[in-house]
């Protein structure tokens, strides 16, 4: 995680993807309210109020992995180990991205893990070779983006 300090917007979920071969990862900055609402919607029988439990953290990581898809050059990117830090108003996570190629020509992403919260803005940033592209994910684009990456 970055050491820079900033105030997190509680109405925003940020997904920051860094594509750098074997050192690729995704950082997530999420409002705690948004996390709780997403888990209630996707897993109504679970106790989403028990935010200190290991089970809650495992459900959240599973929810993120199951609802965040990334494809590079047509191949599915998988997730490795990560970390999760719950806060009183912000949750932060970092997940390692596996099998990311060095040369990238096409990127597709579908991030629906927090699409049920209509009062939240979902922002996806992708960085590769020092260039950053940023997208707002919404109902209008079905929480999906696809583009060519000019090397």
Protein backbone atom coordinates (compact mmCIF):
# COMPACT_ATOMS: atom_id res chain seq x y z
CA UNK A 1 0.00 0.00 0.00
CA UNK A 2 1.09 3.50 -0.64
CA UNK A 3 2.36 5.54 2.29
CA UNK A 4 0.69 8.69 1.01
CA UNK A 5 -1.99 10.17 3.22
CA UNK A 6 -5.35 11.22 1.88
CA UNK A 7 -8.95 11.34 2.99
CA UNK A 8 -10.96 8.44 1.60
CA UNK A 9 -14.22 9.38 -0.06
CA UNK A 10 -16.86 7.24 1.68
CA UNK A 11 -19.00 7.37 -1.46
CA UNK A 12 -16.27 5.78 -3.62
CA UNK A 13 -14.71 2.38 -4.15
CA UNK A 14 -11.29 2.52 -5.81
CA UNK A 15 -9.66 -0.41 -7.59
CA UNK A 16 -6.04 0.35 -8.51
CA UNK A 17 -4.46 -2.28 -10.76
CA UNK A 18 -0.69 -2.19 -11.29
CA UNK A 19 0.50 -4.44 -14.13
CA UNK A 20 4.21 -5.06 -13.84
CA UNK A 21 4.90 -8.71 -14.68
CA UNK A 22 5.55 -10.78 -11.56
CA UNK A 23 5.13 -7.68 -9.35
CA UNK A 24 1.51 -7.04 -10.35
CA UNK A 25 -1.23 -6.36 -7.81
CA UNK A 26 -4.58 -4.71 -7.18
CA UNK A 27 -5.12 -2.27 -4.32
CA UNK A 28 -8.68 -1.70 -3.17
CA UNK A 29 -9.91 1.25 -1.09
CA UNK A 30 -13.50 0.65 -0.02
CA UNK A 31 -15.99 2.31 2.28
CA UNK A 32 -16.88 0.07 5.19
CA UNK A 33 -20.56 0.81 4.58
CA UNK A 34 -20.21 -0.30 0.95
CA UNK A 35 -18.49 -3.51 2.04
CA UNK A 36 -21.25 -4.32 4.51
CA UNK A 37 -23.98 -3.59 1.94
CA UNK A 38 -22.30 -5.75 -0.72
CA UNK A 39 -21.97 -8.71 1.64
CA UNK A 40 -25.58 -8.36 2.81
CA UNK A 41 -26.76 -8.38 -0.81
CA UNK A 42 -24.59 -11.30 -1.92
CA UNK A 43 -24.72 -13.39 1.25
CA UNK A 44 -27.91 -12.47 3.11
CA UNK A 45 -27.71 -15.40 5.51
CA UNK A 46 -24.27 -14.44 6.87
CA UNK A 47 -23.64 -12.05 9.74
CA UNK A 48 -22.13 -9.03 7.99
CA UNK A 49 -22.18 -7.04 11.24
CA UNK A 50 -19.44 -9.22 12.74
CA UNK A 51 -16.65 -7.29 11.04
CA UNK A 52 -13.95 -8.42 13.47
CA UNK A 53 -14.26 -12.09 12.60
CA UNK A 54 -11.92 -14.08 10.41
CA UNK A 55 -15.01 -15.48 8.68
CA UNK A 56 -16.11 -11.94 7.70
CA UNK A 57 -12.69 -11.22 6.19
CA UNK A 58 -12.71 -14.52 4.29
CA UNK A 59 -16.20 -13.79 2.92
CA UNK A 60 -15.09 -10.34 1.80
CA UNK A 61 -11.96 -11.60 0.02
CA UNK A 62 -14.00 -14.34 -1.67
CA UNK A 63 -16.61 -11.77 -2.73
CA UNK A 64 -13.93 -9.52 -4.23
CA UNK A 65 -12.20 -12.40 -6.07
CA UNK A 66 -15.50 -13.83 -7.36
CA UNK A 67 -16.70 -10.45 -8.68
CA UNK A 68 -13.52 -8.86 -10.02
CA UNK A 69 -12.38 -10.27 -13.36
CA UNK A 70 -9.27 -9.14 -15.20
CA UNK A 71 -8.16 -10.38 -18.63
CA UNK A 72 -4.87 -9.42 -20.25
CA UNK A 73 -4.23 -10.36 -23.88
CA UNK A 74 -7.28 -12.62 -23.65
CA UNK A 75 -5.97 -14.64 -20.67
CA UNK A 76 -7.60 -14.67 -17.25
CA UNK A 77 -5.48 -13.12 -14.50
CA UNK A 78 -5.67 -15.07 -11.24
CA UNK A 79 -5.21 -13.89 -7.66
CA UNK A 80 -2.47 -14.79 -5.23
CA UNK A 81 -1.93 -13.94 -1.61
CA UNK A 82 -3.10 -10.67 -0.22
CA UNK A 83 -3.83 -8.61 2.82
CA UNK A 84 -6.95 -7.00 4.21
CA UNK A 85 -7.23 -4.19 6.72
CA UNK A 86 -10.64 -3.29 8.08
CA UNK A 87 -11.13 0.18 9.46
CA UNK A 88 -14.00 2.03 11.07
CA UNK A 89 -14.91 3.75 7.78
CA UNK A 90 -12.46 2.36 5.20
CA UNK A 91 -11.37 -1.13 4.22
CA UNK A 92 -8.12 -1.58 2.33
CA UNK A 93 -6.94 -4.69 0.56
CA UNK A 94 -4.11 -5.74 -1.72
CA UNK A 95 -4.16 -8.89 -3.81
CA UNK A 96 -1.27 -10.21 -5.88
CA UNK A 97 -2.07 -10.73 -9.56
CA UNK A 98 -0.62 -13.88 -11.10
CA UNK A 99 0.36 -14.77 -14.68
CA UNK A 100 0.51 -11.17 -15.94
CA UNK A 101 2.52 -11.02 -19.18
CA UNK A 102 5.34 -8.51 -19.63
CA UNK A 103 3.93 -7.31 -22.97
CA UNK A 104 0.35 -6.11 -22.76
CA UNK A 105 -1.78 -5.31 -25.78
CA UNK A 106 -5.38 -5.74 -24.59
CA UNK A 107 -7.06 -5.37 -21.22
CA UNK A 108 -10.58 -6.25 -20.15
CA UNK A 109 -12.00 -5.86 -16.67
CA UNK A 110 -15.34 -6.51 -15.04
CA UNK A 111 -15.71 -5.31 -11.45
CA UNK A 112 -19.18 -5.95 -10.04
CA UNK A 113 -18.37 -6.62 -6.38
CA UNK A 114 -19.87 -3.30 -5.18
CA UNK A 115 -22.30 -2.56 -8.01
CA UNK A 116 -25.34 -3.00 -5.75
CA UNK A 117 -24.61 0.24 -3.87
CA UNK A 118 -26.16 2.87 -6.15
CA UNK A 119 -24.88 5.72 -3.96
CA UNK A 120 -21.26 4.76 -4.52
CA UNK A 121 -18.89 5.65 -7.34
CA UNK A 122 -16.67 2.77 -8.50
CA UNK A 123 -13.36 3.83 -10.04
CA UNK A 124 -10.89 1.52 -11.77
CA UNK A 125 -7.34 2.69 -12.42
CA UNK A 126 -4.87 0.62 -14.42
CA UNK A 127 -1.15 1.42 -14.45
CA UNK A 128 1.37 -0.18 -16.80
CA UNK A 129 4.85 1.06 -17.77
CA UNK A 130 4.28 4.37 -15.99
CA UNK A 131 1.03 5.12 -17.82
CA UNK A 132 -2.23 5.26 -15.88
CA UNK A 133 -5.73 4.96 -17.29
CA UNK A 134 -8.79 5.64 -15.16
CA UNK A 135 -12.41 4.58 -15.68
CA UNK A 136 -15.67 5.06 -13.85
CA UNK A 137 -17.60 1.80 -13.59
CA UNK A 138 -21.39 2.08 -13.58
CA UNK A 139 -24.64 0.56 -14.78
CA UNK A 140 -24.09 2.40 -18.07
CA UNK A 141 -20.98 0.37 -18.93
CA UNK A 142 -22.15 -2.71 -16.97
CA UNK A 143 -19.10 -2.33 -14.72
CA UNK A 144 -16.90 -3.46 -17.62
CA UNK A 145 -14.11 -1.88 -19.62
CA UNK A 146 -12.08 -3.16 -22.57
CA UNK A 147 -9.34 -1.38 -24.46
CA UNK A 148 -6.11 -1.81 -26.37
CA UNK A 149 -2.90 -0.80 -24.66
CA UNK A 150 -0.45 0.86 -27.02
CA UNK A 151 3.08 -0.06 -25.93
